Each structure stands twice: as structure tokens, then as C-alpha cells.
């Protein structure tokens, strides 16, 4: 099945929701760093986001700040090819600093699309 860019946006929303669930109850970097399960789950969500962004067309990418795209794609590339050298301070910073605004934007954008279709 071939996906459109808008399908990728739905999958990105899901990855953001899963990331939020992974970090539920984590209140500090120390808690994050001490949980192998949470660290691995968060890395996987970030990898998903980076991969999904690469599937977007230029029409969709133009709607979002390119700095966020580039950071997540860059993270995906580094993590996929150098997982054993993962810097968890960067992972935590992306997950708690970059993804929440992206998630918020995606939710607002999807709501606007839904309203326009009604």
C-alpha cells in the first residue's frame, strides 16, 4: 500500500502519543537514564519519527519548522548507524524539548483538517 504524506502525519501523531506514554511518570533525566526499558522505548519512538519525516513530501514538510525535521532525521541517522554510542542526554532533550511542540502542532493541524472536512 502506498501512503500519502497525510498518512505519515497520522503515524507521526501515533509515535508522539507513544513517546508521551513512555515518559509518563518520568520526572527527571536521572529517572529516564535509570530505566533501560524507557530509554529503549523512547529511542524507538524517535527513530520512528525520524523515519516518518523522510516519507513526507515537500507539500507537508513546508508546513512545519525545518529545524525540528532536521534534528529528528539527524538523530534517526545517528541512532540507526551508531546505536552503541547513544548519548542519552540528547535523547532526553529531543523527547522532552523538541517532540512536545511538534506533537501539539500535529494535533492542532489534524483538528483543523477535520474541521475543514466537516
PDB file of N, CA and C in Angstrom:
ATOM      1  N   UNK A   1       0.838  -1.174   0.000  1.00  0.00           N
ATOM      2  CA  UNK A   1       0.000   0.000   0.000  1.00  0.00           C
ATOM      3  C   UNK A   1       0.886   1.241   0.000  1.00  0.00           C
ATOM      4  N   UNK A   2       0.548   2.187  -0.838  1.00  0.00           N
ATOM      5  CA  UNK A   2       1.291   3.444  -0.908  1.00  0.00           C
ATOM      6  C   UNK A   2       0.619   4.461   0.015  1.00  0.00           C
ATOM      7  N   UNK A   3       1.438   5.114   0.832  1.00  0.00           N
ATOM      8  CA  UNK A   3       0.927   6.109   1.760  1.00  0.00           C
ATOM      9  C   UNK A   3       1.105   7.499   1.188  1.00  0.00           C
ATOM     10  N   UNK A   4       0.164   8.361   1.524  1.00  0.00           N
ATOM     11  CA  UNK A   4       0.326   9.777   1.187  1.00  0.00           C
ATOM     12  C   UNK A   4       1.038  10.450   2.360  1.00  0.00           C
ATOM     13  N   UNK A   5       1.480  11.656   2.140  1.00  0.00           N
ATOM     14  CA  UNK A   5       2.111  12.410   3.217  1.00  0.00           C
ATOM     15  C   UNK A   5       1.198  12.582   4.409  1.00  0.00           C
ATOM     16  N   UNK A   6      -0.103  12.702   4.159  1.00  0.00           N
ATOM     17  CA  UNK A   6      -1.043  12.890   5.260  1.00  0.00           C
ATOM     18  C   UNK A   6      -1.126  11.617   6.095  1.00  0.00           C
ATOM     19  N   UNK A   7      -0.984  10.449   5.491  1.00  0.00           N
ATOM     20  CA  UNK A   7      -0.940   9.203   6.261  1.00  0.00           C
ATOM     21  C   UNK A   7       0.277   9.195   7.180  1.00  0.00           C
ATOM     22  N   UNK A   8       1.393   9.704   6.689  1.00  0.00           N
ATOM     23  CA  UNK A   8       2.601   9.782   7.510  1.00  0.00           C
ATOM     24  C   UNK A   8       2.360  10.676   8.711  1.00  0.00           C
ATOM     25  N   UNK A   9       1.615  11.751   8.535  1.00  0.00           N
ATOM     26  CA  UNK A   9       1.314  12.645   9.650  1.00  0.00           C
ATOM     27  C   UNK A   9       0.513  11.919  10.728  1.00  0.00           C
ATOM     28  N   UNK A  10      -0.426  11.066  10.330  1.00  0.00           N
ATOM     29  CA  UNK A  10      -1.177  10.271  11.304  1.00  0.00           C
ATOM     30  C   UNK A  10      -0.250   9.345  12.080  1.00  0.00           C
ATOM     31  N   UNK A  11       0.680   8.730  11.390  1.00  0.00           N
ATOM     32  CA  UNK A  11       1.636   7.836  12.052  1.00  0.00           C
ATOM     33  C   UNK A  11       2.570   8.628  12.972  1.00  0.00           C
ATOM     34  N   UNK A  12       2.893   9.836  12.575  1.00  0.00           N
ATOM     35  CA  UNK A  12       3.723  10.687  13.430  1.00  0.00           C
ATOM     36  C   UNK A  12       2.976  11.032  14.715  1.00  0.00           C
ATOM     37  N   UNK A  13       1.703  11.313  14.603  1.00  0.00           N
ATOM     38  CA  UNK A  13       0.897  11.564  15.797  1.00  0.00           C
ATOM     39  C   UNK A  13       0.931  10.370  16.731  1.00  0.00           C
ATOM     40  N   UNK A  14       0.790   9.191  16.175  1.00  0.00           N
ATOM     41  CA  UNK A  14       0.833   7.974  16.979  1.00  0.00           C
ATOM     42  C   UNK A  14       2.190   7.815  17.662  1.00  0.00           C
ATOM     43  N   UNK A  15       3.271   8.073  16.953  1.00  0.00           N
ATOM     44  CA  UNK A  15       4.610   7.973  17.548  1.00  0.00           C
ATOM     45  C   UNK A  15       4.763   8.974  18.691  1.00  0.00           C
ATOM     46  N   UNK A  16       4.227  10.172  18.517  1.00  0.00           N
ATOM     47  CA  UNK A  16       4.280  11.179  19.591  1.00  0.00           C
ATOM     48  C   UNK A  16       3.465  10.727  20.796  1.00  0.00           C
ATOM     49  N   UNK A  17       2.289  10.158  20.549  1.00  0.00           N
ATOM     50  CA  UNK A  17       1.459   9.661  21.648  1.00  0.00           C
ATOM     51  C   UNK A  17       2.175   8.545  22.398  1.00  0.00           C
ATOM     52  N   UNK A  18       2.810   7.638  21.662  1.00  0.00           N
ATOM     53  CA  UNK A  18       3.545   6.546  22.293  1.00  0.00           C
ATOM     54  C   UNK A  18       4.724   7.082  23.102  1.00  0.00           C
ATOM     55  N   UNK A  19       5.395   8.091  22.578  1.00  0.00           N
ATOM     56  CA  UNK A  19       6.506   8.704  23.301  1.00  0.00           C
ATOM     57  C   UNK A  19       6.017   9.322  24.604  1.00  0.00           C
ATOM     58  N   UNK A  20       4.892  10.002  24.538  1.00  0.00           N
ATOM     59  CA  UNK A  20       4.309  10.601  25.735  1.00  0.00           C
ATOM     60  C   UNK A  20       3.986   9.523  26.773  1.00  0.00           C
ATOM     61  N   UNK A  21       3.438   8.387  26.324  1.00  0.00           N
ATOM     62  CA  UNK A  21       3.142   7.287  27.244  1.00  0.00           C
ATOM     63  C   UNK A  21       4.424   6.736  27.866  1.00  0.00           C
ATOM     64  N   UNK A  22       5.474   6.607  27.062  1.00  0.00           N
ATOM     65  CA  UNK A  22       6.753   6.090  27.565  1.00  0.00           C
ATOM     66  C   UNK A  22       7.309   6.970  28.672  1.00  0.00           C
ATOM     67  N   UNK A  23       7.140   8.266  28.545  1.00  0.00           N
ATOM     68  CA  UNK A  23       7.698   9.200  29.514  1.00  0.00           C
ATOM     69  C   UNK A  23       6.757   9.503  30.682  1.00  0.00           C
ATOM     70  N   UNK A  24       5.565   8.921  30.639  1.00  0.00           N
ATOM     71  CA  UNK A  24       4.617   9.121  31.728  1.00  0.00           C
ATOM     72  C   UNK A  24       5.238   8.610  33.032  1.00  0.00           C
ATOM     73  N   UNK A  25       5.269   9.468  34.029  1.00  0.00           N
ATOM     74  CA  UNK A  25       5.842   9.089  35.309  1.00  0.00           C
ATOM     75  C   UNK A  25       7.342   9.329  35.422  1.00  0.00           C
ATOM     76  N   UNK A  26       7.977   9.722  34.323  1.00  0.00           N
ATOM     77  CA  UNK A  26       9.398  10.055  34.341  1.00  0.00           C
ATOM     78  C   UNK A  26       9.504  11.566  34.553  1.00  0.00           C
ATOM     79  N   UNK A  27      10.116  11.967  35.663  1.00  0.00           N
ATOM     80  CA  UNK A  27      10.145  13.384  36.012  1.00  0.00           C
ATOM     81  C   UNK A  27      11.516  14.022  35.943  1.00  0.00           C
ATOM     82  N   UNK A  28      12.530  13.245  35.584  1.00  0.00           N
ATOM     83  CA  UNK A  28      13.876  13.804  35.526  1.00  0.00           C
ATOM     84  C   UNK A  28      14.740  12.961  34.603  1.00  0.00           C
ATOM     85  N   UNK A  29      15.857  13.553  34.206  1.00  0.00           N
ATOM     86  CA  UNK A  29      16.809  12.814  33.384  1.00  0.00           C
ATOM     87  C   UNK A  29      17.324  11.585  34.130  1.00  0.00           C
ATOM     88  N   UNK A  30      17.525  11.712  35.429  1.00  0.00           N
ATOM     89  CA  UNK A  30      18.036  10.593  36.212  1.00  0.00           C
ATOM     90  C   UNK A  30      17.072   9.407  36.173  1.00  0.00           C
ATOM     91  N   UNK A  31      15.786   9.677  36.306  1.00  0.00           N
ATOM     92  CA  UNK A  31      14.793   8.601  36.210  1.00  0.00           C
ATOM     93  C   UNK A  31      14.820   7.979  34.820  1.00  0.00           C
ATOM     94  N   UNK A  32      14.910   8.815  33.815  1.00  0.00           N
ATOM     95  CA  UNK A  32      14.990   8.333  32.434  1.00  0.00           C
ATOM     96  C   UNK A  32      16.234   7.466  32.256  1.00  0.00           C
ATOM     97  N   UNK A  33      17.361   7.974  32.683  1.00  0.00           N
ATOM     98  CA  UNK A  33      18.631   7.278  32.496  1.00  0.00           C
ATOM     99  C   UNK A  33      18.667   5.933  33.226  1.00  0.00           C
ATOM    100  N   UNK A  34      17.965   5.829  34.339  1.00  0.00           N
ATOM    101  CA  UNK A  34      17.984   4.602  35.132  1.00  0.00           C
ATOM    102  C   UNK A  34      17.000   3.542  34.658  1.00  0.00           C
ATOM    103  N   UNK A  35      16.194   3.840  33.670  1.00  0.00           N
ATOM    104  CA  UNK A  35      15.228   2.864  33.166  1.00  0.00           C
ATOM    105  C   UNK A  35      15.591   2.423  31.752  1.00  0.00           C
ATOM    106  N   UNK A  36      16.165   1.232  31.649  1.00  0.00           N
ATOM    107  CA  UNK A  36      16.547   0.697  30.347  1.00  0.00           C
ATOM    108  C   UNK A  36      15.338   0.597  29.421  1.00  0.00           C
ATOM    109  N   UNK A  37      14.226   0.143  29.950  1.00  0.00           N
ATOM    110  CA  UNK A  37      13.019  -0.050  29.138  1.00  0.00           C
ATOM    111  C   UNK A  37      12.534   1.282  28.577  1.00  0.00           C
ATOM    112  N   UNK A  38      12.479   2.294  29.428  1.00  0.00           N
ATOM    113  CA  UNK A  38      12.019   3.607  28.972  1.00  0.00           C
ATOM    114  C   UNK A  38      12.993   4.183  27.950  1.00  0.00           C
ATOM    115  N   UNK A  39      14.288   4.101  28.221  1.00  0.00           N
ATOM    116  CA  UNK A  39      15.281   4.630  27.275  1.00  0.00           C
ATOM    117  C   UNK A  39      15.117   3.991  25.900  1.00  0.00           C
ATOM    118  N   UNK A  40      15.020   2.684  25.871  1.00  0.00           N
ATOM    119  CA  UNK A  40      14.903   1.994  24.579  1.00  0.00           C
ATOM    120  C   UNK A  40      13.591   2.326  23.873  1.00  0.00           C
ATOM    121  N   UNK A  41      12.518   2.424  24.631  1.00  0.00           N
ATOM    122  CA  UNK A  41      11.221   2.753  24.029  1.00  0.00           C
ATOM    123  C   UNK A  41      11.230   4.165  23.449  1.00  0.00           C
ATOM    124  N   UNK A  42      11.818   5.101  24.173  1.00  0.00           N
ATOM    125  CA  UNK A  42      11.879   6.486  23.701  1.00  0.00           C
ATOM    126  C   UNK A  42      12.740   6.576  22.442  1.00  0.00           C
ATOM    127  N   UNK A  43      13.871   5.894  22.440  1.00  0.00           N
ATOM    128  CA  UNK A  43      14.729   5.886  21.248  1.00  0.00           C
ATOM    129  C   UNK A  43      13.950   5.344  20.052  1.00  0.00           C
ATOM    130  N   UNK A  44      13.188   4.279  20.255  1.00  0.00           N
ATOM    131  CA  UNK A  44      12.422   3.705  19.144  1.00  0.00           C
ATOM    132  C   UNK A  44      11.383   4.693  18.618  1.00  0.00           C
ATOM    133  N   UNK A  45      10.706   5.399  19.508  1.00  0.00           N
ATOM    134  CA  UNK A  45       9.726   6.404  19.073  1.00  0.00           C
ATOM    135  C   UNK A  45      10.404   7.511  18.270  1.00  0.00           C
ATOM    136  N   UNK A  46      11.574   7.952  18.724  1.00  0.00           N
ATOM    137  CA  UNK A  46      12.308   8.995  17.993  1.00  0.00           C
ATOM    138  C   UNK A  46      12.790   8.474  16.637  1.00  0.00           C
ATOM    139  N   UNK A  47      13.224   7.217  16.597  1.00  0.00           N
ATOM    140  CA  UNK A  47      13.611   6.619  15.310  1.00  0.00           C
ATOM    141  C   UNK A  47      12.415   6.596  14.361  1.00  0.00           C
ATOM    142  N   UNK A  48      11.257   6.208  14.884  1.00  0.00           N
ATOM    143  CA  UNK A  48      10.039   6.200  14.062  1.00  0.00           C
ATOM    144  C   UNK A  48       9.745   7.588  13.502  1.00  0.00           C
ATOM    145  N   UNK A  49       9.806   8.589  14.359  1.00  0.00           N
ATOM    146  CA  UNK A  49       9.526   9.955  13.903  1.00  0.00           C
ATOM    147  C   UNK A  49      10.504  10.380  12.811  1.00  0.00           C
ATOM    148  N   UNK A  50      11.782  10.135  13.019  1.00  0.00           N
ATOM    149  CA  UNK A  50      12.779  10.499  12.010  1.00  0.00           C
ATOM    150  C   UNK A  50      12.534   9.802  10.689  1.00  0.00           C
ATOM    151  N   UNK A  51      12.174   8.534  10.753  1.00  0.00           N
ATOM    152  CA  UNK A  51      11.902   7.774   9.534  1.00  0.00           C
ATOM    153  C   UNK A  51      10.640   8.274   8.844  1.00  0.00           C
ATOM    154  N   UNK A  52       9.612   8.568   9.622  1.00  0.00           N
ATOM    155  CA  UNK A  52       8.353   9.058   9.047  1.00  0.00           C
ATOM    156  C   UNK A  52       8.531  10.408   8.370  1.00  0.00           C
ATOM    157  N   UNK A  53       9.347  11.249   8.956  1.00  0.00           N
ATOM    158  CA  UNK A  53       9.582  12.569   8.359  1.00  0.00           C
ATOM    159  C   UNK A  53      10.183  12.423   6.974  1.00  0.00           C
ATOM    160  N   UNK A  54      11.071  11.437   6.801  1.00  0.00           N
ATOM    161  CA  UNK A  54      11.689  11.246   5.486  1.00  0.00           C
ATOM    162  C   UNK A  54      10.659  10.824   4.439  1.00  0.00           C
ATOM    163  N   UNK A  55       9.510  10.299   4.881  1.00  0.00           N
ATOM    164  CA  UNK A  55       8.465   9.892   3.950  1.00  0.00           C
ATOM    165  C   UNK A  55       7.529  11.008   3.543  1.00  0.00           C
ATOM    166  N   UNK A  56       7.637  12.151   4.220  1.00  0.00           N
ATOM    167  CA  UNK A  56       6.776  13.276   3.872  1.00  0.00           C
ATOM    168  C   UNK A  56       7.198  13.906   2.552  1.00  0.00           C
ATOM    169  N   UNK A  57       6.228  14.400   1.838  1.00  0.00           N
ATOM    170  CA  UNK A  57       6.518  15.152   0.625  1.00  0.00           C
ATOM    171  C   UNK A  57       6.820  16.601   0.966  1.00  0.00           C
ATOM    172  N   UNK A  58       7.294  17.339  -0.019  1.00  0.00           N
ATOM    173  CA  UNK A  58       7.628  18.748   0.209  1.00  0.00           C
ATOM    174  C   UNK A  58       6.395  19.561   0.602  1.00  0.00           C
ATOM    175  N   UNK A  59       5.203  19.165   0.119  1.00  0.00           N
ATOM    176  CA  UNK A  59       3.980  19.886   0.482  1.00  0.00           C
ATOM    177  C   UNK A  59       3.717  19.827   1.980  1.00  0.00           C
ATOM    178  N   UNK A  60       4.009  18.683   2.601  1.00  0.00           N
ATOM    179  CA  UNK A  60       3.789  18.535   4.030  1.00  0.00           C
ATOM    180  C   UNK A  60       4.930  19.160   4.826  1.00  0.00           C
ATOM    181  N   UNK A  61       6.154  18.986   4.360  1.00  0.00           N
ATOM    182  CA  UNK A  61       7.305  19.498   5.102  1.00  0.00           C
ATOM    183  C   UNK A  61       7.275  21.011   5.229  1.00  0.00           C
ATOM    184  N   UNK A  62       6.707  21.681   4.240  1.00  0.00           N
ATOM    185  CA  UNK A  62       6.672  23.140   4.247  1.00  0.00           C
ATOM    186  C   UNK A  62       5.800  23.679   5.391  1.00  0.00           C
ATOM    187  N   UNK A  63       4.935  22.840   5.931  1.00  0.00           N
ATOM    188  CA  UNK A  63       4.029  23.265   6.994  1.00  0.00           C
ATOM    189  C   UNK A  63       4.687  23.329   8.364  1.00  0.00           C
ATOM    190  N   UNK A  64       5.850  22.730   8.502  1.00  0.00           N
ATOM    191  CA  UNK A  64       6.480  22.583   9.806  1.00  0.00           C
ATOM    192  C   UNK A  64       7.855  23.222   9.814  1.00  0.00           C
ATOM    193  N   UNK A  65       8.327  23.604  10.992  1.00  0.00           N
ATOM    194  CA  UNK A  65       9.662  24.192  11.083  1.00  0.00           C
ATOM    195  C   UNK A  65      10.735  23.176  10.691  1.00  0.00           C
ATOM    196  N   UNK A  66      11.577  23.538   9.751  1.00  0.00           N
ATOM    197  CA  UNK A  66      12.566  22.588   9.230  1.00  0.00           C
ATOM    198  C   UNK A  66      13.604  22.201  10.275  1.00  0.00           C
ATOM    199  N   UNK A  67      13.858  23.061  11.256  1.00  0.00           N
ATOM    200  CA  UNK A  67      14.845  22.726  12.278  1.00  0.00           C
ATOM    201  C   UNK A  67      14.433  21.464  13.038  1.00  0.00           C
ATOM    202  N   UNK A  68      13.154  21.352  13.374  1.00  0.00           N
ATOM    203  CA  UNK A  68      12.671  20.154  14.057  1.00  0.00           C
ATOM    204  C   UNK A  68      12.819  18.927  13.176  1.00  0.00           C
ATOM    205  N   UNK A  69      12.459  19.060  11.903  1.00  0.00           N
ATOM    206  CA  UNK A  69      12.602  17.945  10.968  1.00  0.00           C
ATOM    207  C   UNK A  69      14.058  17.492  10.925  1.00  0.00           C
ATOM    208  N   UNK A  70      14.953  18.441  10.699  1.00  0.00           N
ATOM    209  CA  UNK A  70      16.362  18.101  10.514  1.00  0.00           C
ATOM    210  C   UNK A  70      16.958  17.451  11.752  1.00  0.00           C
ATOM    211  N   UNK A  71      16.591  17.924  12.922  1.00  0.00           N
ATOM    212  CA  UNK A  71      17.125  17.330  14.151  1.00  0.00           C
ATOM    213  C   UNK A  71      16.647  15.895  14.322  1.00  0.00           C
ATOM    214  N   UNK A  72      15.375  15.635  14.052  1.00  0.00           N
ATOM    215  CA  UNK A  72      14.858  14.278  14.207  1.00  0.00           C
ATOM    216  C   UNK A  72      15.406  13.341  13.135  1.00  0.00           C
ATOM    217  N   UNK A  73      15.545  13.821  11.916  1.00  0.00           N
ATOM    218  CA  UNK A  73      16.142  12.991  10.861  1.00  0.00           C
ATOM    219  C   UNK A  73      17.602  12.708  11.196  1.00  0.00           C
ATOM    220  N   UNK A  74      18.323  13.731  11.642  1.00  0.00           N
ATOM    221  CA  UNK A  74      19.722  13.543  12.019  1.00  0.00           C
ATOM    222  C   UNK A  74      19.865  12.563  13.165  1.00  0.00           C
ATOM    223  N   UNK A  75      18.971  12.655  14.147  1.00  0.00           N
ATOM    224  CA  UNK A  75      19.008  11.707  15.251  1.00  0.00           C
ATOM    225  C   UNK A  75      18.771  10.293  14.749  1.00  0.00           C
ATOM    226  N   UNK A  76      17.775  10.154  13.888  1.00  0.00           N
ATOM    227  CA  UNK A  76      17.451   8.827  13.341  1.00  0.00           C
ATOM    228  C   UNK A  76      18.666   8.231  12.645  1.00  0.00           C
ATOM    229  N   UNK A  77      19.360   9.020  11.854  1.00  0.00           N
ATOM    230  CA  UNK A  77      20.526   8.526  11.126  1.00  0.00           C
ATOM    231  C   UNK A  77      21.651   8.123  12.074  1.00  0.00           C
ATOM    232  N   UNK A  78      21.914   8.953  13.071  1.00  0.00           N
ATOM    233  CA  UNK A  78      22.973   8.623  14.034  1.00  0.00           C
ATOM    234  C   UNK A  78      22.609   7.392  14.855  1.00  0.00           C
ATOM    235  N   UNK A  79      21.362   7.324  15.303  1.00  0.00           N
ATOM    236  CA  UNK A  79      20.943   6.198  16.141  1.00  0.00           C
ATOM    237  C   UNK A  79      20.935   4.885  15.365  1.00  0.00           C
ATOM    238  N   UNK A  80      20.490   4.929  14.129  1.00  0.00           N
ATOM    239  CA  UNK A  80      20.413   3.706  13.333  1.00  0.00           C
ATOM    240  C   UNK A  80      21.795   3.152  13.007  1.00  0.00           C
ATOM    241  N   UNK A  81      22.775   4.032  12.885  1.00  0.00           N
ATOM    242  CA  UNK A  81      24.107   3.581  12.480  1.00  0.00           C
ATOM    243  C   UNK A  81      25.113   3.573  13.618  1.00  0.00           C
ATOM    244  N   UNK A  82      24.732   4.067  14.782  1.00  0.00           N
ATOM    245  CA  UNK A  82      25.664   4.098  15.901  1.00  0.00           C
ATOM    246  C   UNK A  82      24.956   3.953  17.231  1.00  0.00           C
ATOM    247  N   UNK A  83      24.017   3.014  17.296  1.00  0.00           N
ATOM    248  CA  UNK A  83      23.192   2.856  18.493  1.00  0.00           C
ATOM    249  C   UNK A  83      24.050   2.661  19.738  1.00  0.00           C
ATOM    250  N   UNK A  84      25.153   1.971  19.580  1.00  0.00           N
ATOM    251  CA  UNK A  84      26.018   1.675  20.726  1.00  0.00           C
ATOM    252  C   UNK A  84      26.707   2.928  21.289  1.00  0.00           C
ATOM    253  N   UNK A  85      26.643   4.036  20.560  1.00  0.00           N
ATOM    254  CA  UNK A  85      27.263   5.278  21.030  1.00  0.00           C
ATOM    255  C   UNK A  85      26.206   6.320  21.423  1.00  0.00           C
ATOM    256  N   UNK A  86      25.007   5.855  21.727  1.00  0.00           N
ATOM    257  CA  UNK A  86      23.869   6.732  22.024  1.00  0.00           C
ATOM    258  C   UNK A  86      24.173   7.652  23.211  1.00  0.00           C
ATOM    259  N   UNK A  87      23.906   8.936  23.034  1.00  0.00           N
ATOM    260  CA  UNK A  87      24.042   9.922  24.103  1.00  0.00           C
ATOM    261  C   UNK A  87      22.634  10.186  24.642  1.00  0.00           C
ATOM    262  N   UNK A  88      22.359   9.661  25.826  1.00  0.00           N
ATOM    263  CA  UNK A  88      21.003   9.746  26.356  1.00  0.00           C
ATOM    264  C   UNK A  88      20.613  11.147  26.808  1.00  0.00           C
ATOM    265  N   UNK A  89      21.568  12.029  26.982  1.00  0.00           N
ATOM    266  CA  UNK A  89      21.191  13.421  27.266  1.00  0.00           C
ATOM    267  C   UNK A  89      20.541  14.039  26.032  1.00  0.00           C
ATOM    268  N   UNK A  90      21.040  13.672  24.841  1.00  0.00           N
ATOM    269  CA  UNK A  90      20.436  14.156  23.592  1.00  0.00           C
ATOM    270  C   UNK A  90      19.065  13.532  23.397  1.00  0.00           C
ATOM    271  N   UNK A  91      18.954  12.238  23.661  1.00  0.00           N
ATOM    272  CA  UNK A  91      17.666  11.544  23.534  1.00  0.00           C
ATOM    273  C   UNK A  91      16.626  12.223  24.424  1.00  0.00           C
ATOM    274  N   UNK A  92      16.984  12.454  25.666  1.00  0.00           N
ATOM    275  CA  UNK A  92      16.053  13.064  26.617  1.00  0.00           C
ATOM    276  C   UNK A  92      15.689  14.485  26.191  1.00  0.00           C
ATOM    277  N   UNK A  93      16.667  15.232  25.731  1.00  0.00           N
ATOM    278  CA  UNK A  93      16.408  16.605  25.282  1.00  0.00           C
ATOM    279  C   UNK A  93      15.457  16.629  24.094  1.00  0.00           C
ATOM    280  N   UNK A  94      15.652  15.733  23.133  1.00  0.00           N
ATOM    281  CA  UNK A  94      14.738  15.664  21.989  1.00  0.00           C
ATOM    282  C   UNK A  94      13.338  15.270  22.439  1.00  0.00           C
ATOM    283  N   UNK A  95      13.278  14.235  23.269  1.00  0.00           N
ATOM    284  CA  UNK A  95      11.987  13.695  23.687  1.00  0.00           C
ATOM    285  C   UNK A  95      11.185  14.677  24.524  1.00  0.00           C
ATOM    286  N   UNK A  96      11.866  15.456  25.342  1.00  0.00           N
ATOM    287  CA  UNK A  96      11.148  16.363  26.238  1.00  0.00           C
ATOM    288  C   UNK A  96      11.109  17.803  25.742  1.00  0.00           C
ATOM    289  N   UNK A  97      12.015  18.158  24.827  1.00  0.00           N
ATOM    290  CA  UNK A  97      12.082  19.540  24.350  1.00  0.00           C
ATOM    291  C   UNK A  97      11.575  19.755  22.944  1.00  0.00           C
ATOM    292  N   UNK A  98      11.895  18.857  22.033  1.00  0.00           N
ATOM    293  CA  UNK A  98      11.517  19.043  20.627  1.00  0.00           C
ATOM    294  C   UNK A  98      10.195  18.373  20.259  1.00  0.00           C
ATOM    295  N   UNK A  99       9.949  17.211  20.815  1.00  0.00           N
ATOM    296  CA  UNK A  99       8.762  16.462  20.396  1.00  0.00           C
ATOM    297  C   UNK A  99       7.458  17.054  20.932  1.00  0.00           C
ATOM    298  N   UNK A 100       7.371  17.484  22.186  1.00  0.00           N
ATOM    299  CA  UNK A 100       6.081  18.024  22.650  1.00  0.00           C
ATOM    300  C   UNK A 100       5.518  19.162  21.793  1.00  0.00           C
ATOM    301  N   UNK A 101       6.317  20.158  21.370  1.00  0.00           N
ATOM    302  CA  UNK A 101       5.740  21.184  20.489  1.00  0.00           C
ATOM    303  C   UNK A 101       5.307  20.612  19.128  1.00  0.00           C
ATOM    304  N   UNK A 102       6.063  19.655  18.619  1.00  0.00           N
ATOM    305  CA  UNK A 102       5.688  19.007  17.360  1.00  0.00           C
ATOM    306  C   UNK A 102       4.367  18.265  17.523  1.00  0.00           C
ATOM    307  N   UNK A 103       4.231  17.547  18.622  1.00  0.00           N
ATOM    308  CA  UNK A 103       3.003  16.805  18.914  1.00  0.00           C
ATOM    309  C   UNK A 103       1.817  17.758  19.019  1.00  0.00           C
ATOM    310  N   UNK A 104       1.999  18.838  19.730  1.00  0.00           N
ATOM    311  CA  UNK A 104       0.941  19.834  19.873  1.00  0.00           C
ATOM    312  C   UNK A 104       0.542  20.399  18.514  1.00  0.00           C
ATOM    313  N   UNK A 105       1.529  20.722  17.702  1.00  0.00           N
ATOM    314  CA  UNK A 105       1.251  21.248  16.370  1.00  0.00           C
ATOM    315  C   UNK A 105       0.500  20.222  15.525  1.00  0.00           C
ATOM    316  N   UNK A 106       0.943  18.974  15.554  1.00  0.00           N
ATOM    317  CA  UNK A 106       0.284  17.925  14.761  1.00  0.00           C
ATOM    318  C   UNK A 106      -1.169  17.746  15.177  1.00  0.00           C
ATOM    319  N   UNK A 107      -1.430  17.790  16.479  1.00  0.00           N
ATOM    320  CA  UNK A 107      -2.825  17.665  16.950  1.00  0.00           C
ATOM    321  C   UNK A 107      -3.673  18.827  16.455  1.00  0.00           C
ATOM    322  N   UNK A 108      -3.149  20.058  16.592  1.00  0.00           N
ATOM    323  CA  UNK A 108      -3.899  21.232  16.111  1.00  0.00           C
ATOM    324  C   UNK A 108      -4.130  21.151  14.601  1.00  0.00           C
ATOM    325  N   UNK A 109      -3.103  20.759  13.874  1.00  0.00           N
ATOM    326  CA  UNK A 109      -3.200  20.653  12.423  1.00  0.00           C
ATOM    327  C   UNK A 109      -4.246  19.612  12.024  1.00  0.00           C
ATOM    328  N   UNK A 110      -4.233  18.466  12.681  1.00  0.00           N
ATOM    329  CA  UNK A 110      -5.208  17.416  12.377  1.00  0.00           C
ATOM    330  C   UNK A 110      -6.625  17.892  12.701  1.00  0.00           C
ATOM    331  N   UNK A 111      -6.786  18.605  13.807  1.00  0.00           N
ATOM    332  CA  UNK A 111      -8.110  19.135  14.156  1.00  0.00           C
ATOM    333  C   UNK A 111      -8.611  20.113  13.091  1.00  0.00           C
ATOM    334  N   UNK A 112      -7.728  20.965  12.602  1.00  0.00           N
ATOM    335  CA  UNK A 112      -8.111  21.910  11.543  1.00  0.00           C
ATOM    336  C   UNK A 112      -8.512  21.177  10.269  1.00  0.00           C
ATOM    337  N   UNK A 113      -7.757  20.115   9.932  1.00  0.00           N
ATOM    338  CA  UNK A 113      -8.101  19.324   8.749  1.00  0.00           C
ATOM    339  C   UNK A 113      -9.479  18.670   8.933  1.00  0.00           C
ATOM    340  N   UNK A 114      -9.737  18.139  10.117  1.00  0.00           N
ATOM    341  CA  UNK A 114     -11.020  17.504  10.398  1.00  0.00           C
ATOM    342  C   UNK A 114     -12.157  18.508  10.300  1.00  0.00           C
ATOM    343  N   UNK A 115     -11.942  19.699  10.846  1.00  0.00           N
ATOM    344  CA  UNK A 115     -12.973  20.739  10.779  1.00  0.00           C
ATOM    345  C   UNK A 115     -13.236  21.161   9.339  1.00  0.00           C
ATOM    346  N   UNK A 116     -12.195  21.244   8.557  1.00  0.00           N
ATOM    347  CA  UNK A 116     -12.337  21.650   7.142  1.00  0.00           C
ATOM    348  C   UNK A 116     -13.106  20.602   6.339  1.00  0.00           C
ATOM    349  N   UNK A 117     -12.953  19.332   6.720  1.00  0.00           N
ATOM    350  CA  UNK A 117     -13.634  18.249   6.007  1.00  0.00           C
ATOM    351  C   UNK A 117     -15.104  18.163   6.389  1.00  0.00           C
ATOM    352  N   UNK A 118     -15.458  18.724   7.561  1.00  0.00           N
ATOM    353  CA  UNK A 118     -16.863  18.643   8.045  1.00  0.00           C
ATOM    354  C   UNK A 118     -17.764  19.592   7.332  1.00  0.00           C
TER     355      UNK A 118
END
